[in-house]
């Protein structure tokens, strides 16, 4: 197996030369195509899971805050209650403080809230 080094933050490049029946089967022909596929896979995984943060909404509390450091203007942010259905009342963003606060009705028990940030690519 070829030792192909994939960078930590590869760029997604949709152009890949297709292999055909006429393409020689040598490593010199196969490795560049395979490397591009591996880089694209890594780029997509990085985009889908750009940030994944969890915070606890403590029992009796009505809000939880997340740092928005690393969140870009075109990013998509989704929130989930880890163990149950939970709807938020509002979201406040303080760009100066680099913080996003989500407000809920006060909860009876501690609830884990997950913030997932993607680069405009979403996968359920």
PDB file of N, CA and C in Angstrom:
ATOM      1  N   UNK A   1       0.841  -1.175   0.000  1.00  0.00           N
ATOM      2  CA  UNK A   1       0.000   0.000   0.000  1.00  0.00           C
ATOM      3  C   UNK A   1       0.888   1.240   0.000  1.00  0.00           C
ATOM      4  N   UNK A   2       0.510   2.191  -0.770  1.00  0.00           N
ATOM      5  CA  UNK A   2       1.274   3.433  -0.866  1.00  0.00           C
ATOM      6  C   UNK A   2       1.159   4.229   0.423  1.00  0.00           C
ATOM      7  N   UNK A   3       2.234   4.904   0.794  1.00  0.00           N
ATOM      8  CA  UNK A   3       2.208   5.778   1.961  1.00  0.00           C
ATOM      9  C   UNK A   3       1.916   7.193   1.464  1.00  0.00           C
ATOM     10  N   UNK A   4       0.657   7.576   1.591  1.00  0.00           N
ATOM     11  CA  UNK A   4       0.215   8.878   1.112  1.00  0.00           C
ATOM     12  C   UNK A   4      -0.069   9.745   2.330  1.00  0.00           C
ATOM     13  N   UNK A   5       0.639  10.859   2.435  1.00  0.00           N
ATOM     14  CA  UNK A   5       0.457  11.780   3.558  1.00  0.00           C
ATOM     15  C   UNK A   5      -0.656  12.768   3.211  1.00  0.00           C
ATOM     16  N   UNK A   6      -1.664  12.824   4.061  1.00  0.00           N
ATOM     17  CA  UNK A   6      -2.781  13.746   3.853  1.00  0.00           C
ATOM     18  C   UNK A   6      -2.619  14.912   4.823  1.00  0.00           C
ATOM     19  N   UNK A   7      -2.654  16.157   4.325  1.00  0.00           N
ATOM     20  CA  UNK A   7      -2.509  17.308   5.214  1.00  0.00           C
ATOM     21  C   UNK A   7      -3.671  17.399   6.203  1.00  0.00           C
ATOM     22  N   UNK A   8      -3.474  18.095   7.321  1.00  0.00           N
ATOM     23  CA  UNK A   8      -4.512  18.245   8.335  1.00  0.00           C
ATOM     24  C   UNK A   8      -5.733  18.999   7.806  1.00  0.00           C
ATOM     25  N   UNK A   9      -5.499  20.004   6.988  1.00  0.00           N
ATOM     26  CA  UNK A   9      -6.597  20.822   6.452  1.00  0.00           C
ATOM     27  C   UNK A   9      -6.529  20.879   4.932  1.00  0.00           C
ATOM     28  N   UNK A  10      -6.819  19.757   4.262  1.00  0.00           N
ATOM     29  CA  UNK A  10      -6.740  19.766   2.802  1.00  0.00           C
ATOM     30  C   UNK A  10      -7.868  20.582   2.180  1.00  0.00           C
ATOM     31  N   UNK A  11      -7.638  21.035   0.983  1.00  0.00           N
ATOM     32  CA  UNK A  11      -8.647  21.775   0.234  1.00  0.00           C
ATOM     33  C   UNK A  11      -9.468  20.783  -0.583  1.00  0.00           C
ATOM     34  N   UNK A  12     -10.783  20.957  -0.585  1.00  0.00           N
ATOM     35  CA  UNK A  12     -11.650  20.090  -1.390  1.00  0.00           C
ATOM     36  C   UNK A  12     -11.496  20.479  -2.853  1.00  0.00           C
ATOM     37  N   UNK A  13     -11.188  19.513  -3.704  1.00  0.00           N
ATOM     38  CA  UNK A  13     -11.003  19.747  -5.134  1.00  0.00           C
ATOM     39  C   UNK A  13     -11.849  18.725  -5.899  1.00  0.00           C
ATOM     40  N   UNK A  14     -12.961  19.149  -6.476  1.00  0.00           N
ATOM     41  CA  UNK A  14     -13.855  18.192  -7.132  1.00  0.00           C
ATOM     42  C   UNK A  14     -13.313  17.622  -8.440  1.00  0.00           C
ATOM     43  N   UNK A  15     -12.282  18.233  -9.007  1.00  0.00           N
ATOM     44  CA  UNK A  15     -11.758  17.744 -10.274  1.00  0.00           C
ATOM     45  C   UNK A  15     -10.837  16.547 -10.033  1.00  0.00           C
ATOM     46  N   UNK A  16     -11.258  15.388 -10.493  1.00  0.00           N
ATOM     47  CA  UNK A  16     -10.438  14.184 -10.399  1.00  0.00           C
ATOM     48  C   UNK A  16     -10.477  13.522 -11.767  1.00  0.00           C
ATOM     49  N   UNK A  17      -9.306  13.252 -12.316  1.00  0.00           N
ATOM     50  CA  UNK A  17      -9.257  12.598 -13.616  1.00  0.00           C
ATOM     51  C   UNK A  17      -9.766  11.171 -13.463  1.00  0.00           C
ATOM     52  N   UNK A  18     -10.754  10.847 -14.248  1.00  0.00           N
ATOM     53  CA  UNK A  18     -11.358   9.518 -14.167  1.00  0.00           C
ATOM     54  C   UNK A  18     -10.410   8.460 -14.723  1.00  0.00           C
ATOM     55  N   UNK A  19     -10.416   7.313 -14.065  1.00  0.00           N
ATOM     56  CA  UNK A  19      -9.682   6.168 -14.591  1.00  0.00           C
ATOM     57  C   UNK A  19     -10.594   5.445 -15.570  1.00  0.00           C
ATOM     58  N   UNK A  20     -10.045   5.037 -16.685  1.00  0.00           N
ATOM     59  CA  UNK A  20     -10.812   4.302 -17.685  1.00  0.00           C
ATOM     60  C   UNK A  20     -10.147   2.961 -17.928  1.00  0.00           C
ATOM     61  N   UNK A  21     -10.724   2.154 -18.810  1.00  0.00           N
ATOM     62  CA  UNK A  21     -10.120   0.861 -19.147  1.00  0.00           C
ATOM     63  C   UNK A  21      -8.750   1.054 -19.785  1.00  0.00           C
ATOM     64  N   UNK A  22      -8.527   2.210 -20.369  1.00  0.00           N
ATOM     65  CA  UNK A  22      -7.244   2.486 -21.021  1.00  0.00           C
ATOM     66  C   UNK A  22      -6.195   3.057 -20.062  1.00  0.00           C
ATOM     67  N   UNK A  23      -6.583   3.418 -18.839  1.00  0.00           N
ATOM     68  CA  UNK A  23      -5.634   3.974 -17.880  1.00  0.00           C
ATOM     69  C   UNK A  23      -4.710   2.865 -17.393  1.00  0.00           C
ATOM     70  N   UNK A  24      -3.392   3.082 -17.502  1.00  0.00           N
ATOM     71  CA  UNK A  24      -2.473   2.056 -16.996  1.00  0.00           C
ATOM     72  C   UNK A  24      -2.699   1.826 -15.498  1.00  0.00           C
ATOM     73  N   UNK A  25      -2.507   0.588 -15.045  1.00  0.00           N
ATOM     74  CA  UNK A  25      -2.753   0.233 -13.648  1.00  0.00           C
ATOM     75  C   UNK A  25      -1.557   0.441 -12.744  1.00  0.00           C
ATOM     76  N   UNK A  26      -0.593   1.197 -13.165  1.00  0.00           N
ATOM     77  CA  UNK A  26       0.608   1.388 -12.355  1.00  0.00           C
ATOM     78  C   UNK A  26       0.338   2.331 -11.193  1.00  0.00           C
ATOM     79  N   UNK A  27       1.201   2.238 -10.175  1.00  0.00           N
ATOM     80  CA  UNK A  27       1.064   3.128  -9.019  1.00  0.00           C
ATOM     81  C   UNK A  27       1.177   4.590  -9.431  1.00  0.00           C
ATOM     82  N   UNK A  28       1.939   4.878 -10.469  1.00  0.00           N
ATOM     83  CA  UNK A  28       2.113   6.261 -10.913  1.00  0.00           C
ATOM     84  C   UNK A  28       0.792   6.855 -11.406  1.00  0.00           C
ATOM     85  N   UNK A  29      -0.093   6.016 -11.884  1.00  0.00           N
ATOM     86  CA  UNK A  29      -1.407   6.477 -12.337  1.00  0.00           C
ATOM     87  C   UNK A  29      -2.434   6.429 -11.206  1.00  0.00           C
ATOM     88  N   UNK A  30      -2.349   5.405 -10.373  1.00  0.00           N
ATOM     89  CA  UNK A  30      -3.344   5.198  -9.321  1.00  0.00           C
ATOM     90  C   UNK A  30      -3.152   6.138  -8.130  1.00  0.00           C
ATOM     91  N   UNK A  31      -1.934   6.291  -7.648  1.00  0.00           N
ATOM     92  CA  UNK A  31      -1.681   7.048  -6.421  1.00  0.00           C
ATOM     93  C   UNK A  31      -2.177   8.490  -6.454  1.00  0.00           C
ATOM     94  N   UNK A  32      -1.951   9.259  -7.531  1.00  0.00           N
ATOM     95  CA  UNK A  32      -2.465  10.643  -7.520  1.00  0.00           C
ATOM     96  C   UNK A  32      -3.983  10.705  -7.416  1.00  0.00           C
ATOM     97  N   UNK A  33      -4.683   9.780  -8.067  1.00  0.00           N
ATOM     98  CA  UNK A  33      -6.143   9.766  -7.976  1.00  0.00           C
ATOM     99  C   UNK A  33      -6.584   9.383  -6.558  1.00  0.00           C
ATOM    100  N   UNK A  34      -5.946   8.367  -6.002  1.00  0.00           N
ATOM    101  CA  UNK A  34      -6.292   7.910  -4.666  1.00  0.00           C
ATOM    102  C   UNK A  34      -5.976   8.993  -3.632  1.00  0.00           C
ATOM    103  N   UNK A  35      -4.859   9.662  -3.791  1.00  0.00           N
ATOM    104  CA  UNK A  35      -4.486  10.748  -2.885  1.00  0.00           C
ATOM    105  C   UNK A  35      -5.540  11.851  -2.918  1.00  0.00           C
ATOM    106  N   UNK A  36      -6.013  12.219  -4.109  1.00  0.00           N
ATOM    107  CA  UNK A  36      -7.041  13.257  -4.234  1.00  0.00           C
ATOM    108  C   UNK A  36      -8.320  12.822  -3.517  1.00  0.00           C
ATOM    109  N   UNK A  37      -8.707  11.557  -3.671  1.00  0.00           N
ATOM    110  CA  UNK A  37      -9.899  11.054  -2.984  1.00  0.00           C
ATOM    111  C   UNK A  37      -9.731  11.127  -1.469  1.00  0.00           C
ATOM    112  N   UNK A  38      -8.565  10.741  -0.964  1.00  0.00           N
ATOM    113  CA  UNK A  38      -8.315  10.801   0.478  1.00  0.00           C
ATOM    114  C   UNK A  38      -8.328  12.243   0.991  1.00  0.00           C
ATOM    115  N   UNK A  39      -7.747  13.149   0.224  1.00  0.00           N
ATOM    116  CA  UNK A  39      -7.747  14.562   0.611  1.00  0.00           C
ATOM    117  C   UNK A  39      -9.172  15.111   0.618  1.00  0.00           C
ATOM    118  N   UNK A  40      -9.958  14.766  -0.393  1.00  0.00           N
ATOM    119  CA  UNK A  40     -11.343  15.240  -0.446  1.00  0.00           C
ATOM    120  C   UNK A  40     -12.154  14.681   0.721  1.00  0.00           C
ATOM    121  N   UNK A  41     -11.942  13.420   1.041  1.00  0.00           N
ATOM    122  CA  UNK A  41     -12.642  12.825   2.170  1.00  0.00           C
ATOM    123  C   UNK A  41     -12.300  13.579   3.462  1.00  0.00           C
ATOM    124  N   UNK A  42     -11.025  13.865   3.676  1.00  0.00           N
ATOM    125  CA  UNK A  42     -10.595  14.593   4.877  1.00  0.00           C
ATOM    126  C   UNK A  42     -11.171  16.008   4.891  1.00  0.00           C
ATOM    127  N   UNK A  43     -11.174  16.682   3.734  1.00  0.00           N
ATOM    128  CA  UNK A  43     -11.711  18.041   3.660  1.00  0.00           C
ATOM    129  C   UNK A  43     -13.199  18.054   3.997  1.00  0.00           C
ATOM    130  N   UNK A  44     -13.943  17.080   3.496  1.00  0.00           N
ATOM    131  CA  UNK A  44     -15.375  17.023   3.786  1.00  0.00           C
ATOM    132  C   UNK A  44     -15.637  16.702   5.248  1.00  0.00           C
ATOM    133  N   UNK A  45     -14.874  15.798   5.822  1.00  0.00           N
ATOM    134  CA  UNK A  45     -15.033  15.487   7.251  1.00  0.00           C
ATOM    135  C   UNK A  45     -14.735  16.722   8.093  1.00  0.00           C
ATOM    136  N   UNK A  46     -13.696  17.461   7.733  1.00  0.00           N
ATOM    137  CA  UNK A  46     -13.362  18.681   8.468  1.00  0.00           C
ATOM    138  C   UNK A  46     -14.482  19.709   8.353  1.00  0.00           C
ATOM    139  N   UNK A  47     -15.072  19.820   7.167  1.00  0.00           N
ATOM    140  CA  UNK A  47     -16.141  20.798   6.949  1.00  0.00           C
ATOM    141  C   UNK A  47     -17.401  20.418   7.717  1.00  0.00           C
ATOM    142  N   UNK A  48     -17.739  19.137   7.712  1.00  0.00           N
ATOM    143  CA  UNK A  48     -18.948  18.693   8.385  1.00  0.00           C
ATOM    144  C   UNK A  48     -18.816  18.835   9.892  1.00  0.00           C
ATOM    145  N   UNK A  49     -17.656  18.604  10.423  1.00  0.00           N
ATOM    146  CA  UNK A  49     -17.447  18.689  11.870  1.00  0.00           C
ATOM    147  C   UNK A  49     -16.447  19.780  12.222  1.00  0.00           C
ATOM    148  N   UNK A  50     -16.685  20.975  11.735  1.00  0.00           N
ATOM    149  CA  UNK A  50     -15.764  22.067  12.002  1.00  0.00           C
ATOM    150  C   UNK A  50     -15.620  22.291  13.509  1.00  0.00           C
ATOM    151  N   UNK A  51     -16.738  22.390  14.197  1.00  0.00           N
ATOM    152  CA  UNK A  51     -16.732  22.539  15.650  1.00  0.00           C
ATOM    153  C   UNK A  51     -17.848  21.689  16.221  1.00  0.00           C
ATOM    154  N   UNK A  52     -17.568  21.063  17.329  1.00  0.00           N
ATOM    155  CA  UNK A  52     -18.562  20.246  18.009  1.00  0.00           C
ATOM    156  C   UNK A  52     -18.327  20.465  19.501  1.00  0.00           C
ATOM    157  N   UNK A  53     -19.185  21.270  20.112  1.00  0.00           N
ATOM    158  CA  UNK A  53     -18.996  21.622  21.520  1.00  0.00           C
ATOM    159  C   UNK A  53     -20.222  21.222  22.334  1.00  0.00           C
ATOM    160  N   UNK A  54     -19.998  20.853  23.578  1.00  0.00           N
ATOM    161  CA  UNK A  54     -21.085  20.468  24.478  1.00  0.00           C
ATOM    162  C   UNK A  54     -20.970  21.277  25.763  1.00  0.00           C
ATOM    163  N   UNK A  55     -22.121  21.732  26.256  1.00  0.00           N
ATOM    164  CA  UNK A  55     -22.179  22.457  27.530  1.00  0.00           C
ATOM    165  C   UNK A  55     -23.367  21.924  28.322  1.00  0.00           C
ATOM    166  N   UNK A  56     -23.348  22.108  29.620  1.00  0.00           N
ATOM    167  CA  UNK A  56     -24.425  21.629  30.485  1.00  0.00           C
ATOM    168  C   UNK A  56     -25.361  22.773  30.850  1.00  0.00           C
ATOM    169  N   UNK A  57     -26.636  22.566  30.572  1.00  0.00           N
ATOM    170  CA  UNK A  57     -27.686  23.449  31.062  1.00  0.00           C
ATOM    171  C   UNK A  57     -28.078  22.871  32.418  1.00  0.00           C
ATOM    172  N   UNK A  58     -27.612  23.497  33.479  1.00  0.00           N
ATOM    173  CA  UNK A  58     -27.808  22.958  34.829  1.00  0.00           C
ATOM    174  C   UNK A  58     -29.270  23.055  35.245  1.00  0.00           C
ATOM    175  N   UNK A  59     -29.687  22.118  36.091  1.00  0.00           N
ATOM    176  CA  UNK A  59     -31.056  22.122  36.618  1.00  0.00           C
ATOM    177  C   UNK A  59     -31.361  23.482  37.236  1.00  0.00           C
ATOM    178  N   UNK A  60     -32.520  24.037  36.901  1.00  0.00           N
ATOM    179  CA  UNK A  60     -32.916  25.337  37.424  1.00  0.00           C
ATOM    180  C   UNK A  60     -32.420  26.509  36.604  1.00  0.00           C
ATOM    181  N   UNK A  61     -31.430  26.287  35.730  1.00  0.00           N
ATOM    182  CA  UNK A  61     -30.888  27.359  34.892  1.00  0.00           C
ATOM    183  C   UNK A  61     -31.721  27.482  33.606  1.00  0.00           C
ATOM    184  N   UNK A  62     -31.638  28.654  32.984  1.00  0.00           N
ATOM    185  CA  UNK A  62     -32.431  28.891  31.776  1.00  0.00           C
ATOM    186  C   UNK A  62     -31.576  29.280  30.577  1.00  0.00           C
ATOM    187  N   UNK A  63     -30.239  29.238  30.720  1.00  0.00           N
ATOM    188  CA  UNK A  63     -29.395  29.588  29.574  1.00  0.00           C
ATOM    189  C   UNK A  63     -28.075  28.843  29.641  1.00  0.00           C
ATOM    190  N   UNK A  64     -27.470  28.715  28.478  1.00  0.00           N
ATOM    191  CA  UNK A  64     -26.149  28.108  28.372  1.00  0.00           C
ATOM    192  C   UNK A  64     -25.380  28.904  27.319  1.00  0.00           C
ATOM    193  N   UNK A  65     -24.086  29.091  27.541  1.00  0.00           N
ATOM    194  CA  UNK A  65     -23.275  29.910  26.641  1.00  0.00           C
ATOM    195  C   UNK A  65     -22.199  29.067  25.973  1.00  0.00           C
ATOM    196  N   UNK A  66     -21.907  29.420  24.727  1.00  0.00           N
ATOM    197  CA  UNK A  66     -20.852  28.768  23.956  1.00  0.00           C
ATOM    198  C   UNK A  66     -19.917  29.828  23.397  1.00  0.00           C
ATOM    199  N   UNK A  67     -18.636  29.504  23.335  1.00  0.00           N
ATOM    200  CA  UNK A  67     -17.676  30.356  22.639  1.00  0.00           C
ATOM    201  C   UNK A  67     -17.940  30.228  21.146  1.00  0.00           C
ATOM    202  N   UNK A  68     -17.868  31.343  20.428  1.00  0.00           N
ATOM    203  CA  UNK A  68     -18.036  31.288  18.979  1.00  0.00           C
ATOM    204  C   UNK A  68     -16.705  31.530  18.257  1.00  0.00           C
ATOM    205  N   UNK A  69     -15.618  31.362  18.991  1.00  0.00           N
ATOM    206  CA  UNK A  69     -14.305  31.476  18.378  1.00  0.00           C
ATOM    207  C   UNK A  69     -14.183  30.401  17.296  1.00  0.00           C
ATOM    208  N   UNK A  70     -13.769  30.799  16.115  1.00  0.00           N
ATOM    209  CA  UNK A  70     -13.612  29.860  15.016  1.00  0.00           C
ATOM    210  C   UNK A  70     -14.840  29.727  14.139  1.00  0.00           C
ATOM    211  N   UNK A  71     -15.943  30.378  14.510  1.00  0.00           N
ATOM    212  CA  UNK A  71     -17.159  30.321  13.704  1.00  0.00           C
ATOM    213  C   UNK A  71     -17.102  31.426  12.659  1.00  0.00           C
ATOM    214  N   UNK A  72     -17.289  31.052  11.404  1.00  0.00           N
ATOM    215  CA  UNK A  72     -17.231  32.016  10.311  1.00  0.00           C
ATOM    216  C   UNK A  72     -18.599  32.528   9.905  1.00  0.00           C
ATOM    217  N   UNK A  73     -18.586  33.569   9.103  1.00  0.00           N
ATOM    218  CA  UNK A  73     -19.813  34.224   8.672  1.00  0.00           C
ATOM    219  C   UNK A  73     -20.730  33.298   7.878  1.00  0.00           C
ATOM    220  N   UNK A  74     -20.167  32.392   7.098  1.00  0.00           N
ATOM    221  CA  UNK A  74     -20.965  31.491   6.264  1.00  0.00           C
ATOM    222  C   UNK A  74     -21.229  30.137   6.908  1.00  0.00           C
ATOM    223  N   UNK A  75     -20.794  29.947   8.133  1.00  0.00           N
ATOM    224  CA  UNK A  75     -20.978  28.663   8.804  1.00  0.00           C
ATOM    225  C   UNK A  75     -22.427  28.463   9.226  1.00  0.00           C
ATOM    226  N   UNK A  76     -22.799  27.211   9.367  1.00  0.00           N
ATOM    227  CA  UNK A  76     -24.121  26.831   9.849  1.00  0.00           C
ATOM    228  C   UNK A  76     -23.963  26.321  11.275  1.00  0.00           C
ATOM    229  N   UNK A  77     -24.820  26.799  12.175  1.00  0.00           N
ATOM    230  CA  UNK A  77     -24.779  26.366  13.573  1.00  0.00           C
ATOM    231  C   UNK A  77     -26.090  25.659  13.889  1.00  0.00           C
ATOM    232  N   UNK A  78     -25.974  24.460  14.464  1.00  0.00           N
ATOM    233  CA  UNK A  78     -27.151  23.714  14.920  1.00  0.00           C
ATOM    234  C   UNK A  78     -26.957  23.348  16.384  1.00  0.00           C
ATOM    235  N   UNK A  79     -28.077  23.251  17.094  1.00  0.00           N
ATOM    236  CA  UNK A  79     -28.044  22.912  18.509  1.00  0.00           C
ATOM    237  C   UNK A  79     -28.916  21.700  18.773  1.00  0.00           C
ATOM    238  N   UNK A  80     -28.469  20.882  19.718  1.00  0.00           N
ATOM    239  CA  UNK A  80     -29.210  19.690  20.091  1.00  0.00           C
ATOM    240  C   UNK A  80     -29.170  19.521  21.601  1.00  0.00           C
ATOM    241  N   UNK A  81     -30.292  19.103  22.162  1.00  0.00           N
ATOM    242  CA  UNK A  81     -30.288  18.613  23.539  1.00  0.00           C
ATOM    243  C   UNK A  81     -29.919  17.145  23.418  1.00  0.00           C
ATOM    244  N   UNK A  82     -28.906  16.720  24.133  1.00  0.00           N
ATOM    245  CA  UNK A  82     -28.345  15.388  23.949  1.00  0.00           C
ATOM    246  C   UNK A  82     -29.337  14.278  24.285  1.00  0.00           C
ATOM    247  N   UNK A  83     -30.083  14.408  25.383  1.00  0.00           N
ATOM    248  CA  UNK A  83     -30.930  13.302  25.837  1.00  0.00           C
ATOM    249  C   UNK A  83     -32.426  13.496  25.632  1.00  0.00           C
ATOM    250  N   UNK A  84     -32.858  14.653  25.187  1.00  0.00           N
ATOM    251  CA  UNK A  84     -34.302  14.871  25.099  1.00  0.00           C
ATOM    252  C   UNK A  84     -34.632  15.965  24.096  1.00  0.00           C
ATOM    253  N   UNK A  85     -35.910  16.074  23.792  1.00  0.00           N
ATOM    254  CA  UNK A  85     -36.393  17.160  22.946  1.00  0.00           C
ATOM    255  C   UNK A  85     -36.445  18.433  23.786  1.00  0.00           C
ATOM    256  N   UNK A  86     -35.922  19.493  23.249  1.00  0.00           N
ATOM    257  CA  UNK A  86     -35.891  20.747  23.998  1.00  0.00           C
ATOM    258  C   UNK A  86     -35.877  21.888  22.994  1.00  0.00           C
ATOM    259  N   UNK A  87     -36.755  22.837  23.169  1.00  0.00           N
ATOM    260  CA  UNK A  87     -36.790  23.994  22.273  1.00  0.00           C
ATOM    261  C   UNK A  87     -36.260  25.224  23.007  1.00  0.00           C
ATOM    262  N   UNK A  88     -35.496  26.019  22.280  1.00  0.00           N
ATOM    263  CA  UNK A  88     -34.956  27.229  22.891  1.00  0.00           C
ATOM    264  C   UNK A  88     -35.928  28.384  22.689  1.00  0.00           C
ATOM    265  N   UNK A  89     -35.813  29.397  23.563  1.00  0.00           N
ATOM    266  CA  UNK A  89     -36.665  30.585  23.474  1.00  0.00           C
ATOM    267  C   UNK A  89     -36.043  31.667  22.595  1.00  0.00           C
ATOM    268  N   UNK A  90     -34.731  31.849  22.741  1.00  0.00           N
ATOM    269  CA  UNK A  90     -34.030  32.848  21.915  1.00  0.00           C
ATOM    270  C   UNK A  90     -32.535  32.583  21.974  1.00  0.00           C
ATOM    271  N   UNK A  91     -31.815  33.218  21.053  1.00  0.00           N
ATOM    272  CA  UNK A  91     -30.356  33.125  21.008  1.00  0.00           C
ATOM    273  C   UNK A  91     -29.806  34.541  20.932  1.00  0.00           C
ATOM    274  N   UNK A  92     -28.858  34.850  21.789  1.00  0.00           N
ATOM    275  CA  UNK A  92     -28.171  36.139  21.760  1.00  0.00           C
ATOM    276  C   UNK A  92     -26.714  35.907  21.357  1.00  0.00           C
ATOM    277  N   UNK A  93     -26.205  36.772  20.500  1.00  0.00           N
ATOM    278  CA  UNK A  93     -24.804  36.685  20.079  1.00  0.00           C
ATOM    279  C   UNK A  93     -24.108  37.970  20.477  1.00  0.00           C
ATOM    280  N   UNK A  94     -23.022  37.833  21.224  1.00  0.00           N
ATOM    281  CA  UNK A  94     -22.186  38.962  21.611  1.00  0.00           C
ATOM    282  C   UNK A  94     -20.850  38.787  20.897  1.00  0.00           C
ATOM    283  N   UNK A  95     -20.721  39.430  19.724  1.00  0.00           N
ATOM    284  CA  UNK A  95     -19.498  39.274  18.926  1.00  0.00           C
ATOM    285  C   UNK A  95     -18.273  39.807  19.658  1.00  0.00           C
ATOM    286  N   UNK A  96     -18.451  40.895  20.414  1.00  0.00           N
ATOM    287  CA  UNK A  96     -17.312  41.465  21.142  1.00  0.00           C
ATOM    288  C   UNK A  96     -16.764  40.485  22.172  1.00  0.00           C
ATOM    289  N   UNK A  97     -17.650  39.778  22.849  1.00  0.00           N
ATOM    290  CA  UNK A  97     -17.230  38.805  23.860  1.00  0.00           C
ATOM    291  C   UNK A  97     -16.937  37.441  23.234  1.00  0.00           C
ATOM    292  N   UNK A  98     -17.312  37.275  21.960  1.00  0.00           N
ATOM    293  CA  UNK A  98     -17.094  35.988  21.297  1.00  0.00           C
ATOM    294  C   UNK A  98     -17.945  34.886  21.895  1.00  0.00           C
ATOM    295  N   UNK A  99     -19.191  35.235  22.212  1.00  0.00           N
ATOM    296  CA  UNK A  99     -20.044  34.281  22.920  1.00  0.00           C
ATOM    297  C   UNK A  99     -21.457  34.264  22.340  1.00  0.00           C
ATOM    298  N   UNK A 100     -22.032  33.078  22.329  1.00  0.00           N
ATOM    299  CA  UNK A 100     -23.401  32.872  21.905  1.00  0.00           C
ATOM    300  C   UNK A 100     -24.146  32.245  23.091  1.00  0.00           C
ATOM    301  N   UNK A 101     -25.287  32.833  23.463  1.00  0.00           N
ATOM    302  CA  UNK A 101     -26.055  32.321  24.602  1.00  0.00           C
ATOM    303  C   UNK A 101     -27.420  31.874  24.114  1.00  0.00           C
ATOM    304  N   UNK A 102     -27.807  30.664  24.522  1.00  0.00           N
ATOM    305  CA  UNK A 102     -29.104  30.109  24.157  1.00  0.00           C
ATOM    306  C   UNK A 102     -29.972  30.104  25.416  1.00  0.00           C
ATOM    307  N   UNK A 103     -31.207  30.597  25.275  1.00  0.00           N
ATOM    308  CA  UNK A 103     -32.123  30.676  26.406  1.00  0.00           C
ATOM    309  C   UNK A 103     -33.241  29.645  26.260  1.00  0.00           C
ATOM    310  N   UNK A 104     -33.529  28.955  27.351  1.00  0.00           N
ATOM    311  CA  UNK A 104     -34.547  27.915  27.413  1.00  0.00           C
ATOM    312  C   UNK A 104     -35.476  28.207  28.589  1.00  0.00           C
ATOM    313  N   UNK A 105     -36.539  27.425  28.703  1.00  0.00           N
ATOM    314  CA  UNK A 105     -37.287  27.402  29.955  1.00  0.00           C
ATOM    315  C   UNK A 105     -36.401  26.671  30.958  1.00  0.00           C
ATOM    316  N   UNK A 106     -36.490  27.040  32.231  1.00  0.00           N
ATOM    317  CA  UNK A 106     -35.678  26.372  33.256  1.00  0.00           C
ATOM    318  C   UNK A 106     -35.979  24.870  33.254  1.00  0.00           C
ATOM    319  N   UNK A 107     -34.939  24.062  33.403  1.00  0.00           N
ATOM    320  CA  UNK A 107     -35.067  22.606  33.346  1.00  0.00           C
ATOM    321  C   UNK A 107     -35.063  21.997  34.749  1.00  0.00           C
ATOM    322  N   UNK A 108     -35.728  20.862  34.882  1.00  0.00           N
ATOM    323  CA  UNK A 108     -35.783  20.155  36.170  1.00  0.00           C
ATOM    324  C   UNK A 108     -34.490  19.394  36.456  1.00  0.00           C
ATOM    325  N   UNK A 109     -33.805  18.963  35.395  1.00  0.00           N
ATOM    326  CA  UNK A 109     -32.568  18.186  35.536  1.00  0.00           C
ATOM    327  C   UNK A 109     -31.491  18.784  34.647  1.00  0.00           C
ATOM    328  N   UNK A 110     -30.253  18.425  34.910  1.00  0.00           N
ATOM    329  CA  UNK A 110     -29.151  18.852  34.038  1.00  0.00           C
ATOM    330  C   UNK A 110     -29.385  18.314  32.635  1.00  0.00           C
ATOM    331  N   UNK A 111     -29.095  19.133  31.641  1.00  0.00           N
ATOM    332  CA  UNK A 111     -29.283  18.739  30.247  1.00  0.00           C
ATOM    333  C   UNK A 111     -28.044  19.117  29.455  1.00  0.00           C
ATOM    334  N   UNK A 112     -27.504  18.166  28.708  1.00  0.00           N
ATOM    335  CA  UNK A 112     -26.358  18.450  27.846  1.00  0.00           C
ATOM    336  C   UNK A 112     -26.861  19.070  26.539  1.00  0.00           C
ATOM    337  N   UNK A 113     -26.266  20.198  26.165  1.00  0.00           N
ATOM    338  CA  UNK A 113     -26.611  20.885  24.920  1.00  0.00           C
ATOM    339  C   UNK A 113     -25.386  20.820  24.021  1.00  0.00           C
ATOM    340  N   UNK A 114     -25.577  20.404  22.784  1.00  0.00           N
ATOM    341  CA  UNK A 114     -24.472  20.294  21.830  1.00  0.00           C
ATOM    342  C   UNK A 114     -24.636  21.354  20.747  1.00  0.00           C
ATOM    343  N   UNK A 115     -23.526  22.041  20.446  1.00  0.00           N
ATOM    344  CA  UNK A 115     -23.473  22.997  19.338  1.00  0.00           C
ATOM    345  C   UNK A 115     -22.586  22.378  18.270  1.00  0.00           C
ATOM    346  N   UNK A 116     -23.112  22.262  17.052  1.00  0.00           N
ATOM    347  CA  UNK A 116     -22.352  21.718  15.942  1.00  0.00           C
ATOM    348  C   UNK A 116     -22.266  22.805  14.874  1.00  0.00           C
ATOM    349  N   UNK A 117     -21.046  23.106  14.440  1.00  0.00           N
ATOM    350  CA  UNK A 117     -20.799  24.119  13.432  1.00  0.00           C
ATOM    351  C   UNK A 117     -20.213  23.439  12.197  1.00  0.00           C
ATOM    352  N   UNK A 118     -20.783  23.762  11.045  1.00  0.00           N
ATOM    353  CA  UNK A 118     -20.292  23.207   9.789  1.00  0.00           C
ATOM    354  C   UNK A 118     -19.980  24.322   8.800  1.00  0.00           C
ATOM    355  N   UNK A 119     -19.186  23.983   7.791  1.00  0.00           N
ATOM    356  CA  UNK A 119     -18.819  24.954   6.747  1.00  0.00           C
ATOM    357  C   UNK A 119     -19.860  25.006   5.635  1.00  0.00           C
ATOM    358  N   UNK A 120     -21.102  25.106   5.983  1.00  0.00           N
ATOM    359  CA  UNK A 120     -22.138  25.179   4.966  1.00  0.00           C
ATOM    360  C   UNK A 120     -22.482  23.827   4.375  1.00  0.00           C
ATOM    361  N   UNK A 121     -21.903  22.763   4.909  1.00  0.00           N
ATOM    362  CA  UNK A 121     -22.201  21.408   4.464  1.00  0.00           C
ATOM    363  C   UNK A 121     -22.829  20.726   5.655  1.00  0.00           C
ATOM    364  N   UNK A 122     -23.994  20.132   5.483  1.00  0.00           N
ATOM    365  CA  UNK A 122     -24.647  19.507   6.624  1.00  0.00           C
ATOM    366  C   UNK A 122     -24.927  18.054   6.345  1.00  0.00           C
ATOM    367  N   UNK A 123     -24.670  17.230   7.327  1.00  0.00           N
ATOM    368  CA  UNK A 123     -24.946  15.802   7.235  1.00  0.00           C
ATOM    369  C   UNK A 123     -25.608  15.379   8.523  1.00  0.00           C
ATOM    370  N   UNK A 124     -26.774  14.789   8.436  1.00  0.00           N
ATOM    371  CA  UNK A 124     -27.492  14.301   9.632  1.00  0.00           C
ATOM    372  C   UNK A 124     -26.905  12.992  10.075  1.00  0.00           C
TER     373      UNK A 124
END
